[in-house]
Amino acid sequence: MLAKSRRAERGELTEPSVVESPRARLFGPPNALLGAFYYPAAALGVWFAWALHLPWLVLAIAIVSIGPAVVSLVLAYSLLFVTRRACPYCWTAHATNWLLVPLFFWLYNLSY
C-alpha cells in the first residue's frame, strides 16, 4: 500500500483507490508508512523485551498497540460506510492490529 500511495502522489494510478481518500493520511504521512514503522518496531520491541525478560516493556507495547487497533476501527468503519471500497490489504492490516492487542497482553502474562 505504501508503494501505491507513492504512485497516487505522482498521479500514476489509473483506477480509484482508498489511498487517495483523506483517511489514507489520518496523521499526515500515509497510514501505510506509519504501519511500515509500527509493525517492525513492535516486533523488535517485544522480541527484545522477551529476550531480556522485561515484562514492563511487553506491557507498554501491549498498551501502545491499543492505539492502532482503535484507529483500525475508525478506518474499518470508513471502508464499510464512507469509502465503500474493497481493500484486502486494509482489512489484513486491521485484523492484524486487532489481533496484536490480545497477543501482546498474552505475551505479557506469559512473561511473569
C-alpha atoms as a PDB file:
ATOM      1  CA  MET A   1       0.000   0.000   0.000  1.00  0.00           C
ATOM      2  CA  LEU A   2       2.917   2.335   0.602  1.00  0.00           C
ATOM      3  CA  ALA A   3       4.064   1.910  -2.999  1.00  0.00           C
ATOM      4  CA  LYS A   4       0.511   2.558  -4.165  1.00  0.00           C
ATOM      5  CA  SER A   5       0.374   5.705  -2.016  1.00  0.00           C
ATOM      6  CA  ARG A   6       3.528   6.942  -3.665  1.00  0.00           C
ATOM      7  CA  ARG A   7       2.137   6.176  -7.125  1.00  0.00           C
ATOM      8  CA  ALA A   8      -1.023   8.101  -6.200  1.00  0.00           C
ATOM      9  CA  GLU A   9       1.092  11.090  -5.132  1.00  0.00           C
ATOM     10  CA  ARG A  10       2.737  11.071  -8.557  1.00  0.00           C
ATOM     11  CA  GLY A  11      -0.635  10.757 -10.300  1.00  0.00           C
ATOM     12  CA  GLU A  12       0.200   7.340 -11.743  1.00  0.00           C
ATOM     13  CA  LEU A  13      -2.923   5.456 -10.610  1.00  0.00           C
ATOM     14  CA  THR A  14      -5.368   4.614 -13.352  1.00  0.00           C
ATOM     15  CA  GLU A  15      -8.127   3.377 -11.033  1.00  0.00           C
ATOM     16  CA  PRO A  16      -9.751   4.885  -7.932  1.00  0.00           C
ATOM     17  CA  SER A  17      -8.130   3.726  -4.709  1.00  0.00           C
ATOM     18  CA  VAL A  18      -8.531   4.122  -0.962  1.00  0.00           C
ATOM     19  CA  VAL A  19      -5.028   5.621  -0.819  1.00  0.00           C
ATOM     20  CA  GLU A  20      -6.462   8.741  -2.455  1.00  0.00           C
ATOM     21  CA  SER A  21      -9.000   9.368   0.308  1.00  0.00           C
ATOM     22  CA  PRO A  22      -8.271  11.802   3.155  1.00  0.00           C
ATOM     23  CA  ARG A  23      -8.482   8.895   5.608  1.00  0.00           C
ATOM     24  CA  ALA A  24      -5.403   7.344   3.978  1.00  0.00           C
ATOM     25  CA  ARG A  25      -3.400  10.063   5.761  1.00  0.00           C
ATOM     26  CA  LEU A  26      -5.011  10.383   9.168  1.00  0.00           C
ATOM     27  CA  PHE A  27      -1.919  11.795  10.855  1.00  0.00           C
ATOM     28  CA  GLY A  28      -0.185  13.478   7.918  1.00  0.00           C
ATOM     29  CA  PRO A  29       2.020  10.828   6.309  1.00  0.00           C
ATOM     30  CA  PRO A  30       0.376   7.862   4.565  1.00  0.00           C
ATOM     31  CA  ASN A  31      -1.074   5.319   7.006  1.00  0.00           C
ATOM     32  CA  ALA A  32       0.933   2.646   5.182  1.00  0.00           C
ATOM     33  CA  LEU A  33       4.163   4.465   6.042  1.00  0.00           C
ATOM     34  CA  LEU A  34       3.225   4.563   9.716  1.00  0.00           C
ATOM     35  CA  GLY A  35       2.497   0.827   9.551  1.00  0.00           C
ATOM     36  CA  ALA A  36       5.847   0.224   7.878  1.00  0.00           C
ATOM     37  CA  PHE A  37       7.470   1.626  11.018  1.00  0.00           C
ATOM     38  CA  TYR A  38       4.978   0.357  13.615  1.00  0.00           C
ATOM     39  CA  TYR A  39       4.977  -3.360  12.822  1.00  0.00           C
ATOM     40  CA  PRO A  40       8.768  -3.876  12.814  1.00  0.00           C
ATOM     41  CA  ALA A  41       9.148  -1.638  15.882  1.00  0.00           C
ATOM     42  CA  ALA A  42       6.505  -3.601  17.794  1.00  0.00           C
ATOM     43  CA  ALA A  43       8.016  -6.937  16.753  1.00  0.00           C
ATOM     44  CA  LEU A  44      11.542  -5.889  17.689  1.00  0.00           C
ATOM     45  CA  GLY A  45      10.351  -4.321  20.939  1.00  0.00           C
ATOM     46  CA  VAL A  46       8.538  -7.445  22.037  1.00  0.00           C
ATOM     47  CA  TRP A  47      11.405  -9.655  20.946  1.00  0.00           C
ATOM     48  CA  PHE A  48      13.969  -7.642  22.936  1.00  0.00           C
ATOM     49  CA  ALA A  49      11.636  -7.308  25.922  1.00  0.00           C
ATOM     50  CA  TRP A  50      11.028 -11.047  25.900  1.00  0.00           C
ATOM     51  CA  ALA A  51      14.715 -11.911  25.427  1.00  0.00           C
ATOM     52  CA  LEU A  52      15.824  -9.544  28.201  1.00  0.00           C
ATOM     53  CA  HIS A  53      12.901 -10.539  30.431  1.00  0.00           C
ATOM     54  CA  LEU A  54      11.446  -7.043  30.720  1.00  0.00           C
ATOM     55  CA  PRO A  55       7.739  -7.676  31.304  1.00  0.00           C
ATOM     56  CA  TRP A  56       7.066  -3.969  31.859  1.00  0.00           C
ATOM     57  CA  LEU A  57       8.218  -3.297  28.292  1.00  0.00           C
ATOM     58  CA  VAL A  58       5.925  -6.014  26.930  1.00  0.00           C
ATOM     59  CA  LEU A  59       3.081  -4.395  28.877  1.00  0.00           C
ATOM     60  CA  ALA A  60       3.972  -0.963  27.486  1.00  0.00           C
ATOM     61  CA  ILE A  61       3.933  -2.332  23.934  1.00  0.00           C
ATOM     62  CA  ALA A  62       0.600  -4.048  24.621  1.00  0.00           C
ATOM     63  CA  ILE A  63      -0.888  -0.778  25.855  1.00  0.00           C
ATOM     64  CA  VAL A  64       0.511   1.169  22.893  1.00  0.00           C
ATOM     65  CA  SER A  65      -0.953  -1.421  20.493  1.00  0.00           C
ATOM     66  CA  ILE A  66      -4.441  -0.354  21.568  1.00  0.00           C
ATOM     67  CA  GLY A  67      -3.955   2.920  19.640  1.00  0.00           C
ATOM     68  CA  PRO A  68      -3.501   1.328  16.205  1.00  0.00           C
ATOM     69  CA  ALA A  69      -6.386  -1.053  16.963  1.00  0.00           C
ATOM     70  CA  VAL A  70      -8.703   1.885  17.670  1.00  0.00           C
ATOM     71  CA  VAL A  71      -7.508   3.693  14.534  1.00  0.00           C
ATOM     72  CA  SER A  72      -8.257   0.484  12.621  1.00  0.00           C
ATOM     73  CA  LEU A  73     -11.820   0.552  13.966  1.00  0.00           C
ATOM     74  CA  VAL A  74     -12.243   4.075  12.586  1.00  0.00           C
ATOM     75  CA  LEU A  75     -10.719   3.134   9.238  1.00  0.00           C
ATOM     76  CA  ALA A  76     -12.774  -0.078   9.010  1.00  0.00           C
ATOM     77  CA  TYR A  77     -15.927   1.948   9.612  1.00  0.00           C
ATOM     78  CA  SER A  78     -14.778   4.300   6.875  1.00  0.00           C
ATOM     79  CA  LEU A  79     -14.186   1.437   4.452  1.00  0.00           C
ATOM     80  CA  LEU A  80     -17.617  -0.023   5.108  1.00  0.00           C
ATOM     81  CA  PHE A  81     -19.774   3.095   5.271  1.00  0.00           C
ATOM     82  CA  VAL A  82     -17.889   6.085   3.813  1.00  0.00           C
ATOM     83  CA  THR A  83     -15.405   4.984   1.166  1.00  0.00           C
ATOM     84  CA  ARG A  84     -17.323   1.785   0.359  1.00  0.00           C
ATOM     85  CA  ARG A  85     -14.380   0.199  -1.382  1.00  0.00           C
ATOM     86  CA  ALA A  86     -12.913  -3.269  -1.187  1.00  0.00           C
ATOM     87  CA  CYS A  87      -9.364  -3.243   0.140  1.00  0.00           C
ATOM     88  CA  PRO A  88      -7.967  -6.641   1.153  1.00  0.00           C
ATOM     89  CA  TYR A  89      -4.683  -5.053   2.243  1.00  0.00           C
ATOM     90  CA  CYS A  90      -6.557  -2.677   4.522  1.00  0.00           C
ATOM     91  CA  TRP A  91      -8.581  -5.483   6.085  1.00  0.00           C
ATOM     92  CA  THR A  92      -5.424  -7.526   6.602  1.00  0.00           C
ATOM     93  CA  ALA A  93      -3.827  -4.616   8.450  1.00  0.00           C
ATOM     94  CA  HIS A  94      -6.967  -4.040  10.527  1.00  0.00           C
ATOM     95  CA  ALA A  95      -7.208  -7.697  11.508  1.00  0.00           C
ATOM     96  CA  THR A  96      -3.517  -7.696  12.387  1.00  0.00           C
ATOM     97  CA  ASN A  97      -3.930  -4.631  14.584  1.00  0.00           C
ATOM     98  CA  TRP A  98      -6.909  -6.161  16.360  1.00  0.00           C
ATOM     99  CA  LEU A  99      -5.091  -9.453  16.934  1.00  0.00           C
ATOM    100  CA  LEU A 100      -1.879  -7.837  18.179  1.00  0.00           C
ATOM    101  CA  VAL A 101      -3.595  -6.353  21.243  1.00  0.00           C
ATOM    102  CA  PRO A 102      -4.601  -9.689  22.830  1.00  0.00           C
ATOM    103  CA  LEU A 103      -1.382 -11.298  21.603  1.00  0.00           C
ATOM    104  CA  PHE A 104       0.804  -8.715  23.332  1.00  0.00           C
ATOM    105  CA  PHE A 105      -1.229  -8.920  26.555  1.00  0.00           C
ATOM    106  CA  TRP A 106      -0.977 -12.714  26.390  1.00  0.00           C
ATOM    107  CA  LEU A 107       2.814 -12.413  26.000  1.00  0.00           C
ATOM    108  CA  TYR A 108       2.883 -10.072  28.981  1.00  0.00           C
ATOM    109  CA  ASN A 109       1.025 -12.657  31.072  1.00  0.00           C
ATOM    110  CA  LEU A 110       3.476 -15.351  29.943  1.00  0.00           C
ATOM    111  CA  SER A 111       6.448 -13.212  30.944  1.00  0.00           C
ATOM    112  CA  TYR A 112       5.573 -13.467  34.625  1.00  0.00           C
END
